[in-house]
């Protein structure tokens, strides 16, 4: 995924169809000049429906579709004929898409499975035909119900990535490089403060044909939770990860302090993030020798399983995968 096509937020005007009116028809033919009511019901207005699609990673296809309009139901007619139903509009969205009311911010729907369908904006009900209103005291009702109007509302669709492991670290911690080494993902890699401008996902192959999904979340800088840098737009993707893999480069001046700052950013954004399982990978460990590594281990945080890795030399990459798999299934 490159920055140009990863869209995780769109605002659309969702308009469901009006229900068709019921018919007030009275039956007439050569044999029966005063037949009873035979007006059919109006058809239901079309729904706007969200459907989960595991092949989609972005809301890009909806970015320029500002108005989504379903079909109106047709009116009922004679001979108890029900009007045709309005055409439903199905919006395919990635797994992890949340729909919110644009005015209130209230959550309306959440898509968490492939193929899952949720009616976002229901169509208006069709009106009942006059046949429903016949009674012993009113043999020939000459009225029928109008159809219900459809609903028009502005809706925000927001994507939160679903991944097993979220990579958390400052820019240049080696997150994109690790992802490119352990999966088929091809993230853009460069040595500047905001390496990753969009989240990248990769499926990591594990032993015995098992796999897990790893997401490289854009680099956090101190103050991201207050909207500095790339801010909370990207921190929100971390909310969905089962495990947080903290990545800090071996040439960092103070690994323990860097870890504390990262933790603080996550806690400020959402304290529940600290309830997730955590692992620490000290990256770029090809830059240090065994003696220095042993010294550094004495200064590391004691409350988190730690491994020294190198994406360049593949050092301890298998061990890291083992740690992740154990944490996922522990």
C-alpha atoms as a PDB file:
ATOM      1  CA  UNK A   1       0.000   0.000   0.000  1.00  0.00           C
ATOM      2  CA  UNK A   2       1.438   3.321  -0.913  1.00  0.00           C
ATOM      3  CA  UNK A   3       0.426   6.636   0.553  1.00  0.00           C
ATOM      4  CA  UNK A   4      -1.548   7.618  -2.508  1.00  0.00           C
ATOM      5  CA  UNK A   5      -4.122   4.851  -2.207  1.00  0.00           C
ATOM      6  CA  UNK A   6      -4.554   4.163   1.498  1.00  0.00           C
ATOM      7  CA  UNK A   7      -7.742   5.965   2.530  1.00  0.00           C
ATOM      8  CA  UNK A   8      -9.047   5.256   6.046  1.00  0.00           C
ATOM      9  CA  UNK A   9     -11.738   7.959   6.322  1.00  0.00           C
ATOM     10  CA  UNK A  10     -14.590   8.971   4.021  1.00  0.00           C
ATOM     11  CA  UNK A  11     -17.779  10.974   4.535  1.00  0.00           C
ATOM     12  CA  UNK A  12     -20.787  10.046   2.430  1.00  0.00           C
ATOM     13  CA  UNK A  13     -24.395  11.137   2.113  1.00  0.00           C
ATOM     14  CA  UNK A  14     -26.437   7.962   2.428  1.00  0.00           C
ATOM     15  CA  UNK A  15     -30.009   8.139   1.103  1.00  0.00           C
ATOM     16  CA  UNK A  16     -32.311   5.161   1.263  1.00  0.00           C
ATOM     17  CA  UNK A  17     -35.308   4.746  -1.026  1.00  0.00           C
ATOM     18  CA  UNK A  18     -38.865   5.876  -0.309  1.00  0.00           C
ATOM     19  CA  UNK A  19     -41.467   3.176   0.158  1.00  0.00           C
ATOM     20  CA  UNK A  20     -44.084   2.906  -2.557  1.00  0.00           C
ATOM     21  CA  UNK A  21     -47.695   3.889  -1.823  1.00  0.00           C
ATOM     22  CA  UNK A  22     -50.359   1.268  -1.304  1.00  0.00           C
ATOM     23  CA  UNK A  23     -53.133   1.102  -3.904  1.00  0.00           C
ATOM     24  CA  UNK A  24     -56.760   2.074  -3.176  1.00  0.00           C
ATOM     25  CA  UNK A  25     -58.100   0.160  -6.165  1.00  0.00           C
ATOM     26  CA  UNK A  26     -61.587  -1.382  -6.173  1.00  0.00           C
ATOM     27  CA  UNK A  27     -62.121  -4.468  -8.324  1.00  0.00           C
ATOM     28  CA  UNK A  28     -64.437  -4.004 -11.341  1.00  0.00           C
ATOM     29  CA  UNK A  29     -65.193  -6.388 -14.202  1.00  0.00           C
ATOM     30  CA  UNK A  30     -68.114  -7.377 -16.447  1.00  0.00           C
ATOM     31  CA  UNK A  31     -69.485  -9.869 -13.970  1.00  0.00           C
ATOM     32  CA  UNK A  32     -68.891  -7.811 -10.872  1.00  0.00           C
ATOM     33  CA  UNK A  33     -69.562  -4.088 -11.010  1.00  0.00           C
ATOM     34  CA  UNK A  34     -68.951  -3.692  -7.290  1.00  0.00           C
ATOM     35  CA  UNK A  35     -66.012  -5.902  -6.493  1.00  0.00           C
ATOM     36  CA  UNK A  36     -64.185  -5.390  -3.224  1.00  0.00           C
ATOM     37  CA  UNK A  37     -60.888  -3.634  -2.570  1.00  0.00           C
ATOM     38  CA  UNK A  38     -57.936  -5.280  -4.297  1.00  0.00           C
ATOM     39  CA  UNK A  39     -55.247  -2.630  -3.942  1.00  0.00           C
ATOM     40  CA  UNK A  40     -51.770  -4.085  -3.436  1.00  0.00           C
ATOM     41  CA  UNK A  41     -49.051  -2.888  -1.078  1.00  0.00           C
ATOM     42  CA  UNK A  42     -46.288  -0.518  -2.030  1.00  0.00           C
ATOM     43  CA  UNK A  43     -42.763  -1.917  -2.353  1.00  0.00           C
ATOM     44  CA  UNK A  44     -40.115  -1.251   0.289  1.00  0.00           C
ATOM     45  CA  UNK A  45     -37.576   1.453  -0.477  1.00  0.00           C
ATOM     46  CA  UNK A  46     -34.023   0.326  -1.165  1.00  0.00           C
ATOM     47  CA  UNK A  47     -31.567  -0.058   1.736  1.00  0.00           C
ATOM     48  CA  UNK A  48     -27.982   1.174   1.857  1.00  0.00           C
ATOM     49  CA  UNK A  49     -26.053  -1.892   3.050  1.00  0.00           C
ATOM     50  CA  UNK A  50     -22.448  -2.308   4.222  1.00  0.00           C
ATOM     51  CA  UNK A  51     -20.791  -5.611   3.343  1.00  0.00           C
ATOM     52  CA  UNK A  52     -17.406  -6.783   4.629  1.00  0.00           C
ATOM     53  CA  UNK A  53     -14.868  -7.737   1.975  1.00  0.00           C
ATOM     54  CA  UNK A  54     -11.583  -9.255   3.123  1.00  0.00           C
ATOM     55  CA  UNK A  55      -9.966  -8.423  -0.229  1.00  0.00           C
ATOM     56  CA  UNK A  56     -10.193  -4.683   0.473  1.00  0.00           C
ATOM     57  CA  UNK A  57      -7.610  -2.807   2.565  1.00  0.00           C
ATOM     58  CA  UNK A  58      -8.743   0.757   1.979  1.00  0.00           C
ATOM     59  CA  UNK A  59     -11.817   2.971   1.523  1.00  0.00           C
ATOM     60  CA  UNK A  60     -10.294   4.479  -1.619  1.00  0.00           C
ATOM     61  CA  UNK A  61     -13.116   3.235  -3.877  1.00  0.00           C
ATOM     62  CA  UNK A  62     -15.617   5.285  -1.857  1.00  0.00           C
ATOM     63  CA  UNK A  63     -13.552   8.476  -1.681  1.00  0.00           C
ATOM     64  CA  UNK A  64     -15.285  10.166  -4.628  1.00  0.00           C
ATOM     65  CA  UNK A  65     -18.725   8.596  -4.159  1.00  0.00           C
ATOM     66  CA  UNK A  66     -20.128  11.378  -2.015  1.00  0.00           C
ATOM     67  CA  UNK A  67     -23.826  10.559  -2.578  1.00  0.00           C
ATOM     68  CA  UNK A  68     -25.086   7.005  -2.292  1.00  0.00           C
ATOM     69  CA  UNK A  69     -28.745   6.746  -3.313  1.00  0.00           C
ATOM     70  CA  UNK A  70     -30.917   3.633  -3.184  1.00  0.00           C
ATOM     71  CA  UNK A  71     -33.977   3.085  -5.400  1.00  0.00           C
ATOM     72  CA  UNK A  72     -37.548   3.959  -4.435  1.00  0.00           C
ATOM     73  CA  UNK A  73     -40.163   1.263  -3.993  1.00  0.00           C
ATOM     74  CA  UNK A  74     -42.917   1.163  -6.618  1.00  0.00           C
ATOM     75  CA  UNK A  75     -46.571   1.749  -5.826  1.00  0.00           C
ATOM     76  CA  UNK A  76     -48.959  -1.128  -5.309  1.00  0.00           C
ATOM     77  CA  UNK A  77     -51.567  -1.790  -7.999  1.00  0.00           C
ATOM     78  CA  UNK A  78     -54.776  -3.646  -8.715  1.00  0.00           C
ATOM     79  CA  UNK A  79     -55.321  -7.382  -8.220  1.00  0.00           C
ATOM     80  CA  UNK A  80     -53.393  -7.304  -4.941  1.00  0.00           C
ATOM     81  CA  UNK A  81     -50.170  -6.636  -6.843  1.00  0.00           C
ATOM     82  CA  UNK A  82     -47.336  -5.509  -4.591  1.00  0.00           C
ATOM     83  CA  UNK A  83     -45.061  -2.825  -5.974  1.00  0.00           C
ATOM     84  CA  UNK A  84     -41.484  -3.777  -6.792  1.00  0.00           C
ATOM     85  CA  UNK A  85     -38.898  -3.268  -4.061  1.00  0.00           C
ATOM     86  CA  UNK A  86     -36.477  -0.369  -4.461  1.00  0.00           C
ATOM     87  CA  UNK A  87     -32.938  -1.292  -5.530  1.00  0.00           C
ATOM     88  CA  UNK A  88     -30.592  -1.835  -2.584  1.00  0.00           C
ATOM     89  CA  UNK A  89     -27.110  -0.331  -2.758  1.00  0.00           C
ATOM     90  CA  UNK A  90     -24.364  -2.507  -1.293  1.00  0.00           C
ATOM     91  CA  UNK A  91     -21.138  -0.771  -0.264  1.00  0.00           C
ATOM     92  CA  UNK A  92     -18.227  -3.208  -0.045  1.00  0.00           C
ATOM     93  CA  UNK A  93     -15.878  -2.158   2.757  1.00  0.00           C
ATOM     94  CA  UNK A  94     -12.729  -3.589   4.372  1.00  0.00           C
ATOM     95  CA  UNK A  95     -12.922  -5.635   7.553  1.00  0.00           C
ATOM     96  CA  UNK A  96     -12.526  -3.212  10.471  1.00  0.00           C
ATOM     97  CA  UNK A  97     -14.751  -0.483   9.002  1.00  0.00           C
ATOM     98  CA  UNK A  98     -16.848   1.510  11.463  1.00  0.00           C
ATOM     99  CA  UNK A  99     -19.799   3.703  10.438  1.00  0.00           C
ATOM    100  CA  UNK A 100     -20.634   6.762  12.521  1.00  0.00           C
ATOM    101  CA  UNK A 101     -23.380   9.359  12.365  1.00  0.00           C
ATOM    102  CA  UNK A 102     -21.573  12.454  11.069  1.00  0.00           C
ATOM    103  CA  UNK A 103     -23.541  14.817  13.333  1.00  0.00           C
ATOM    104  CA  UNK A 104     -23.632  12.962  16.649  1.00  0.00           C
ATOM    105  CA  UNK A 105     -20.494  10.858  16.212  1.00  0.00           C
ATOM    106  CA  UNK A 106     -22.497   7.861  17.431  1.00  0.00           C
ATOM    107  CA  UNK A 107     -21.400   4.467  16.098  1.00  0.00           C
ATOM    108  CA  UNK A 108     -23.994   2.959  13.738  1.00  0.00           C
ATOM    109  CA  UNK A 109     -22.305  -0.212  12.532  1.00  0.00           C
ATOM    110  CA  UNK A 110     -19.056  -2.160  12.651  1.00  0.00           C
ATOM    111  CA  UNK A 111     -17.910  -4.681  10.066  1.00  0.00           C
ATOM    112  CA  UNK A 112     -15.711  -7.386  11.584  1.00  0.00           C
ATOM    113  CA  UNK A 113     -16.163 -10.389   9.249  1.00  0.00           C
ATOM    114  CA  UNK A 114     -15.884 -11.161   5.558  1.00  0.00           C
ATOM    115  CA  UNK A 115     -19.347 -11.253   3.975  1.00  0.00           C
ATOM    116  CA  UNK A 116     -21.024  -9.641   6.989  1.00  0.00           C
ATOM    117  CA  UNK A 117     -23.898  -7.373   5.943  1.00  0.00           C
ATOM    118  CA  UNK A 118     -25.388  -4.537   8.001  1.00  0.00           C
ATOM    119  CA  UNK A 119     -28.197  -2.245   6.884  1.00  0.00           C
ATOM    120  CA  UNK A 120     -26.692   1.205   7.273  1.00  0.00           C
ATOM    121  CA  UNK A 121     -29.686   3.274   6.145  1.00  0.00           C
ATOM    122  CA  UNK A 122     -32.964   1.347   5.931  1.00  0.00           C
ATOM    123  CA  UNK A 123     -35.409   2.044   3.120  1.00  0.00           C
ATOM    124  CA  UNK A 124     -38.926   3.326   3.853  1.00  0.00           C
ATOM    125  CA  UNK A 125     -41.649   0.714   4.309  1.00  0.00           C
ATOM    126  CA  UNK A 126     -44.183   0.356   1.532  1.00  0.00           C
ATOM    127  CA  UNK A 127     -47.731   1.534   2.307  1.00  0.00           C
ATOM    128  CA  UNK A 128     -50.516  -1.023   2.800  1.00  0.00           C
ATOM    129  CA  UNK A 129     -53.104  -1.326   0.045  1.00  0.00           C
ATOM    130  CA  UNK A 130     -56.813  -0.842   0.731  1.00  0.00           C
ATOM    131  CA  UNK A 131     -57.383  -4.623   0.847  1.00  0.00           C
ATOM    132  CA  UNK A 132     -55.932  -4.532   4.376  1.00  0.00           C
ATOM    133  CA  UNK A 133     -58.575  -2.106   5.598  1.00  0.00           C
ATOM    134  CA  UNK A 134     -61.664  -4.069   4.583  1.00  0.00           C
ATOM    135  CA  UNK A 135     -63.918  -4.829   7.537  1.00  0.00           C
ATOM    136  CA  UNK A 136     -67.524  -5.901   8.145  1.00  0.00           C
ATOM    137  CA  UNK A 137     -68.443  -2.243   8.603  1.00  0.00           C
ATOM    138  CA  UNK A 138     -66.325  -0.929   5.745  1.00  0.00           C
ATOM    139  CA  UNK A 139     -66.591  -3.226   2.760  1.00  0.00           C
ATOM    140  CA  UNK A 140     -65.101  -0.801   0.244  1.00  0.00           C
ATOM    141  CA  UNK A 141     -62.339   1.279   1.839  1.00  0.00           C
ATOM    142  CA  UNK A 142     -61.223   3.880  -0.663  1.00  0.00           C
ATOM    143  CA  UNK A 143     -57.928   4.711   1.061  1.00  0.00           C
ATOM    144  CA  UNK A 144     -54.491   3.180   1.339  1.00  0.00           C
ATOM    145  CA  UNK A 145     -51.313   4.039   3.169  1.00  0.00           C
ATOM    146  CA  UNK A 146     -48.643   6.222   1.625  1.00  0.00           C
ATOM    147  CA  UNK A 147     -45.155   4.757   1.655  1.00  0.00           C
ATOM    148  CA  UNK A 148     -42.695   5.790   4.353  1.00  0.00           C
ATOM    149  CA  UNK A 149     -40.042   8.244   3.206  1.00  0.00           C
ATOM    150  CA  UNK A 150     -36.466   7.087   2.957  1.00  0.00           C
ATOM    151  CA  UNK A 151     -33.733   8.456   5.220  1.00  0.00           C
ATOM    152  CA  UNK A 152     -31.008  10.868   4.186  1.00  0.00           C
ATOM    153  CA  UNK A 153     -28.018  11.115   6.515  1.00  0.00           C
ATOM    154  CA  UNK A 154     -24.343  11.961   6.423  1.00  0.00           C
ATOM    155  CA  UNK A 155     -22.240   9.036   7.523  1.00  0.00           C
ATOM    156  CA  UNK A 156     -18.537   8.766   8.312  1.00  0.00           C
ATOM    157  CA  UNK A 157     -16.862   5.499   7.380  1.00  0.00           C
ATOM    158  CA  UNK A 158     -13.626   4.944   9.240  1.00  0.00           C
ATOM    159  CA  UNK A 159     -11.196   2.063   8.918  1.00  0.00           C
ATOM    160  CA  UNK A 160      -9.309   0.576  11.835  1.00  0.00           C
ATOM    161  CA  UNK A 161      -6.879  -2.069  10.665  1.00  0.00           C
ATOM    162  CA  UNK A 162      -7.250  -5.590  11.974  1.00  0.00           C
ATOM    163  CA  UNK A 163      -3.872  -7.142  12.638  1.00  0.00           C
ATOM    164  CA  UNK A 164      -2.466  -9.616  15.144  1.00  0.00           C
ATOM    165  CA  UNK A 165       0.710  -7.653  15.789  1.00  0.00           C
ATOM    166  CA  UNK A 166       1.143  -3.887  15.672  1.00  0.00           C
ATOM    167  CA  UNK A 167       4.670  -2.507  15.342  1.00  0.00           C
ATOM    168  CA  UNK A 168       5.208   0.477  17.629  1.00  0.00           C
ATOM    169  CA  UNK A 169       8.296   2.642  17.580  1.00  0.00           C
ATOM    170  CA  UNK A 170       9.847   5.938  16.686  1.00  0.00           C
ATOM    171  CA  UNK A 171      10.687   6.644  13.055  1.00  0.00           C
ATOM    172  CA  UNK A 172      13.809   4.842  11.868  1.00  0.00           C
ATOM    173  CA  UNK A 173      13.328   2.002  14.395  1.00  0.00           C
ATOM    174  CA  UNK A 174      13.406  -0.505  11.538  1.00  0.00           C
ATOM    175  CA  UNK A 175       9.706  -1.387  11.456  1.00  0.00           C
ATOM    176  CA  UNK A 176       9.275  -1.228   7.682  1.00  0.00           C
ATOM    177  CA  UNK A 177      12.486  -3.176   7.181  1.00  0.00           C
ATOM    178  CA  UNK A 178      11.335  -5.952   9.519  1.00  0.00           C
ATOM    179  CA  UNK A 179       7.975  -6.159   7.753  1.00  0.00           C
ATOM    180  CA  UNK A 180       9.679  -6.438   4.359  1.00  0.00           C
ATOM    181  CA  UNK A 181      11.921  -9.238   5.699  1.00  0.00           C
ATOM    182  CA  UNK A 182       9.261 -11.396   7.401  1.00  0.00           C
ATOM    183  CA  UNK A 183       6.404 -10.945   4.924  1.00  0.00           C
ATOM    184  CA  UNK A 184       5.673 -10.282   1.280  1.00  0.00           C
ATOM    185  CA  UNK A 185       4.728  -6.670   2.052  1.00  0.00           C
ATOM    186  CA  UNK A 186       6.728  -4.056   0.136  1.00  0.00           C
ATOM    187  CA  UNK A 187       6.644  -0.948   2.345  1.00  0.00           C
ATOM    188  CA  UNK A 188       8.460   2.178   1.281  1.00  0.00           C
ATOM    189  CA  UNK A 189      11.673   2.340   3.279  1.00  0.00           C
ATOM    190  CA  UNK A 190      13.738   5.465   3.729  1.00  0.00           C
ATOM    191  CA  UNK A 191      15.788   7.178   6.379  1.00  0.00           C
ATOM    192  CA  UNK A 192      13.770  10.237   7.286  1.00  0.00           C
ATOM    193  CA  UNK A 193      11.592  11.088  10.263  1.00  0.00           C
ATOM    194  CA  UNK A 194       8.257   9.955   8.847  1.00  0.00           C
ATOM    195  CA  UNK A 195       9.232   6.854   6.935  1.00  0.00           C
ATOM    196  CA  UNK A 196       5.780   5.304   6.873  1.00  0.00           C
ATOM    197  CA  UNK A 197       2.979   7.686   6.037  1.00  0.00           C
ATOM    198  CA  UNK A 198       0.391   4.914   5.805  1.00  0.00           C
ATOM    199  CA  UNK A 199      -0.003   1.650   7.713  1.00  0.00           C
ATOM    200  CA  UNK A 200       1.427  -1.344   5.896  1.00  0.00           C
ATOM    201  CA  UNK A 201       0.144  -4.864   6.440  1.00  0.00           C
ATOM    202  CA  UNK A 202       1.958  -8.103   5.858  1.00  0.00           C
ATOM    203  CA  UNK A 203       1.078 -11.761   6.366  1.00  0.00           C
ATOM    204  CA  UNK A 204       3.963 -13.464   8.181  1.00  0.00           C
ATOM    205  CA  UNK A 205       4.446 -17.149   7.378  1.00  0.00           C
ATOM    206  CA  UNK A 206       5.125 -19.285  10.446  1.00  0.00           C
ATOM    207  CA  UNK A 207       5.858 -22.958  11.052  1.00  0.00           C
ATOM    208  CA  UNK A 208       3.515 -25.688   9.739  1.00  0.00           C
ATOM    209  CA  UNK A 209       1.738 -23.340   7.307  1.00  0.00           C
ATOM    210  CA  UNK A 210       0.514 -21.106  10.118  1.00  0.00           C
ATOM    211  CA  UNK A 211       0.572 -17.336   9.702  1.00  0.00           C
ATOM    212  CA  UNK A 212      -0.243 -14.065  11.438  1.00  0.00           C
ATOM    213  CA  UNK A 213      -0.861 -10.502  10.280  1.00  0.00           C
ATOM    214  CA  UNK A 214       1.626  -7.769  11.168  1.00  0.00           C
ATOM    215  CA  UNK A 215       0.893  -4.055  10.751  1.00  0.00           C
ATOM    216  CA  UNK A 216       3.556  -1.375  10.576  1.00  0.00           C
ATOM    217  CA  UNK A 217       1.956   1.653  12.209  1.00  0.00           C
ATOM    218  CA  UNK A 218       3.485   5.039  11.276  1.00  0.00           C
ATOM    219  CA  UNK A 219       6.256   6.230  13.553  1.00  0.00           C
ATOM    220  CA  UNK A 220       5.141   7.828  16.775  1.00  0.00           C
ATOM    221  CA  UNK A 221       6.846  10.964  17.913  1.00  0.00           C
ATOM    222  CA  UNK A 222       6.479  12.411  21.375  1.00  0.00           C
ATOM    223  CA  UNK A 223       3.254  14.373  21.407  1.00  0.00           C
ATOM    224  CA  UNK A 224       1.494  12.278  18.754  1.00  0.00           C
ATOM    225  CA  UNK A 225      -1.390  11.624  21.141  1.00  0.00           C
ATOM    226  CA  UNK A 226      -2.003  15.394  21.233  1.00  0.00           C
ATOM    227  CA  UNK A 227      -2.179  15.536  17.474  1.00  0.00           C
ATOM    228  CA  UNK A 228       1.451  16.495  16.772  1.00  0.00           C
ATOM    229  CA  UNK A 229       3.216  14.825  13.898  1.00  0.00           C
ATOM    230  CA  UNK A 230       0.936  12.337  12.218  1.00  0.00           C
ATOM    231  CA  UNK A 231      -1.095  12.253  15.404  1.00  0.00           C
ATOM    232  CA  UNK A 232      -4.006  10.145  16.523  1.00  0.00           C
ATOM    233  CA  UNK A 233      -5.204   9.334  13.017  1.00  0.00           C
ATOM    234  CA  UNK A 234      -2.629   6.532  12.992  1.00  0.00           C
ATOM    235  CA  UNK A 235      -2.575   5.711  16.680  1.00  0.00           C
ATOM    236  CA  UNK A 236      -6.187   4.530  16.307  1.00  0.00           C
ATOM    237  CA  UNK A 237      -5.030   1.610  14.160  1.00  0.00           C
ATOM    238  CA  UNK A 238      -3.075   0.254  17.133  1.00  0.00           C
ATOM    239  CA  UNK A 239      -6.338  -0.171  19.070  1.00  0.00           C
ATOM    240  CA  UNK A 240      -7.217  -3.255  17.040  1.00  0.00           C
ATOM    241  CA  UNK A 241      -3.930  -5.168  17.419  1.00  0.00           C
ATOM    242  CA  UNK A 242      -3.716  -8.157  19.770  1.00  0.00           C
ATOM    243  CA  UNK A 243      -0.023  -7.681  20.534  1.00  0.00           C
ATOM    244  CA  UNK A 244       2.135  -4.587  20.469  1.00  0.00           C
ATOM    245  CA  UNK A 245       5.708  -5.185  19.346  1.00  0.00           C
ATOM    246  CA  UNK A 246       7.820  -2.259  20.500  1.00  0.00           C
ATOM    247  CA  UNK A 247      10.844  -1.679  18.306  1.00  0.00           C
ATOM    248  CA  UNK A 248      13.792   0.410  19.439  1.00  0.00           C
ATOM    249  CA  UNK A 249      17.101   0.638  17.616  1.00  0.00           C
ATOM    250  CA  UNK A 250      20.248  -0.640  19.313  1.00  0.00           C
ATOM    251  CA  UNK A 251      21.964   2.706  18.693  1.00  0.00           C
ATOM    252  CA  UNK A 252      19.325   4.564  20.744  1.00  0.00           C
ATOM    253  CA  UNK A 253      20.913   6.677  23.518  1.00  0.00           C
ATOM    254  CA  UNK A 254      18.523   5.231  26.131  1.00  0.00           C
ATOM    255  CA  UNK A 255      16.324   2.251  25.236  1.00  0.00           C
ATOM    256  CA  UNK A 256      14.457   2.199  28.566  1.00  0.00           C
ATOM    257  CA  UNK A 257      13.613   5.918  28.274  1.00  0.00           C
ATOM    258  CA  UNK A 258      12.481   5.535  24.667  1.00  0.00           C
ATOM    259  CA  UNK A 259      10.227   2.645  25.695  1.00  0.00           C
ATOM    260  CA  UNK A 260       8.775   4.786  28.508  1.00  0.00           C
ATOM    261  CA  UNK A 261       7.990   7.631  26.075  1.00  0.00           C
ATOM    262  CA  UNK A 262       6.270   5.258  23.648  1.00  0.00           C
ATOM    263  CA  UNK A 263       4.206   3.750  26.464  1.00  0.00           C
ATOM    264  CA  UNK A 264       3.229   7.202  27.657  1.00  0.00           C
ATOM    265  CA  UNK A 265       2.049   8.195  24.159  1.00  0.00           C
ATOM    266  CA  UNK A 266      -0.159   5.116  23.956  1.00  0.00           C
ATOM    267  CA  UNK A 267      -1.543   5.594  27.456  1.00  0.00           C
ATOM    268  CA  UNK A 268      -2.365   9.256  26.797  1.00  0.00           C
ATOM    269  CA  UNK A 269      -4.241   8.273  23.641  1.00  0.00           C
ATOM    270  CA  UNK A 270      -6.090   5.297  25.153  1.00  0.00           C
ATOM    271  CA  UNK A 271      -5.156   3.733  28.542  1.00  0.00           C
ATOM    272  CA  UNK A 272      -6.655   0.394  27.452  1.00  0.00           C
ATOM    273  CA  UNK A 273      -3.777  -0.028  25.011  1.00  0.00           C
ATOM    274  CA  UNK A 274      -1.565  -0.845  27.985  1.00  0.00           C
ATOM    275  CA  UNK A 275      -3.694  -3.951  28.646  1.00  0.00           C
ATOM    276  CA  UNK A 276      -2.403  -5.565  25.460  1.00  0.00           C
ATOM    277  CA  UNK A 277       0.458  -8.049  25.479  1.00  0.00           C
ATOM    278  CA  UNK A 278       3.791  -6.405  24.751  1.00  0.00           C
ATOM    279  CA  UNK A 279       7.097  -7.539  23.318  1.00  0.00           C
ATOM    280  CA  UNK A 280      10.287  -5.536  22.785  1.00  0.00           C
ATOM    281  CA  UNK A 281      12.627  -6.018  19.838  1.00  0.00           C
ATOM    282  CA  UNK A 282      15.939  -4.188  19.961  1.00  0.00           C
ATOM    283  CA  UNK A 283      16.621  -3.679  16.257  1.00  0.00           C
ATOM    284  CA  UNK A 284      19.787  -3.107  14.238  1.00  0.00           C
ATOM    285  CA  UNK A 285      21.695  -5.290  16.721  1.00  0.00           C
ATOM    286  CA  UNK A 286      24.217  -6.062  13.967  1.00  0.00           C
ATOM    287  CA  UNK A 287      25.654  -2.645  14.915  1.00  0.00           C
ATOM    288  CA  UNK A 288      26.776  -3.881  18.363  1.00  0.00           C
ATOM    289  CA  UNK A 289      28.962  -6.737  19.585  1.00  0.00           C
ATOM    290  CA  UNK A 290      28.027  -9.435  22.120  1.00  0.00           C
ATOM    291  CA  UNK A 291      29.794  -7.658  24.970  1.00  0.00           C
ATOM    292  CA  UNK A 292      27.833  -4.428  24.428  1.00  0.00           C
ATOM    293  CA  UNK A 293      24.608  -6.416  24.023  1.00  0.00           C
ATOM    294  CA  UNK A 294      25.206  -8.077  27.401  1.00  0.00           C
ATOM    295  CA  UNK A 295      25.780  -4.642  28.998  1.00  0.00           C
ATOM    296  CA  UNK A 296      22.636  -3.226  27.403  1.00  0.00           C
ATOM    297  CA  UNK A 297      20.513  -6.097  28.689  1.00  0.00           C
ATOM    298  CA  UNK A 298      21.217  -4.874  32.230  1.00  0.00           C
ATOM    299  CA  UNK A 299      19.496  -1.559  31.482  1.00  0.00           C
ATOM    300  CA  UNK A 300      16.407  -2.855  29.679  1.00  0.00           C
ATOM    301  CA  UNK A 301      12.858  -2.760  31.095  1.00  0.00           C
ATOM    302  CA  UNK A 302      12.236  -5.904  33.158  1.00  0.00           C
ATOM    303  CA  UNK A 303       8.473  -6.138  32.604  1.00  0.00           C
ATOM    304  CA  UNK A 304       8.559  -7.036  28.899  1.00  0.00           C
ATOM    305  CA  UNK A 305      10.010 -10.029  26.984  1.00  0.00           C
ATOM    306  CA  UNK A 306      12.929  -8.734  24.905  1.00  0.00           C
ATOM    307  CA  UNK A 307      14.878 -10.007  21.917  1.00  0.00           C
ATOM    308  CA  UNK A 308      17.810  -8.446  20.048  1.00  0.00           C
ATOM    309  CA  UNK A 309      17.251  -8.747  16.287  1.00  0.00           C
ATOM    310  CA  UNK A 310      18.757  -7.684  12.993  1.00  0.00           C
ATOM    311  CA  UNK A 311      16.621  -7.607   9.858  1.00  0.00           C
ATOM    312  CA  UNK A 312      19.833  -7.182   7.857  1.00  0.00           C
ATOM    313  CA  UNK A 313      21.541 -10.368   9.076  1.00  0.00           C
ATOM    314  CA  UNK A 314      18.316 -12.236  10.056  1.00  0.00           C
ATOM    315  CA  UNK A 315      19.636 -12.495  13.622  1.00  0.00           C
ATOM    316  CA  UNK A 316      16.953 -13.920  15.982  1.00  0.00           C
ATOM    317  CA  UNK A 317      14.138 -13.334  13.447  1.00  0.00           C
ATOM    318  CA  UNK A 318      12.900 -16.917  13.967  1.00  0.00           C
ATOM    319  CA  UNK A 319      13.094 -16.441  17.741  1.00  0.00           C
ATOM    320  CA  UNK A 320      11.020 -13.261  17.395  1.00  0.00           C
ATOM    321  CA  UNK A 321       8.365 -15.129  15.377  1.00  0.00           C
ATOM    322  CA  UNK A 322       8.282 -17.828  18.093  1.00  0.00           C
ATOM    323  CA  UNK A 323       7.769 -15.170  20.779  1.00  0.00           C
ATOM    324  CA  UNK A 324       4.962 -13.552  18.796  1.00  0.00           C
ATOM    325  CA  UNK A 325       3.228 -16.886  18.160  1.00  0.00           C
ATOM    326  CA  UNK A 326       3.440 -17.826  21.845  1.00  0.00           C
ATOM    327  CA  UNK A 327       2.037 -14.462  22.860  1.00  0.00           C
ATOM    328  CA  UNK A 328      -0.822 -14.775  20.342  1.00  0.00           C
ATOM    329  CA  UNK A 329      -1.738 -18.253  21.513  1.00  0.00           C
ATOM    330  CA  UNK A 330      -0.721 -18.050  25.164  1.00  0.00           C
END
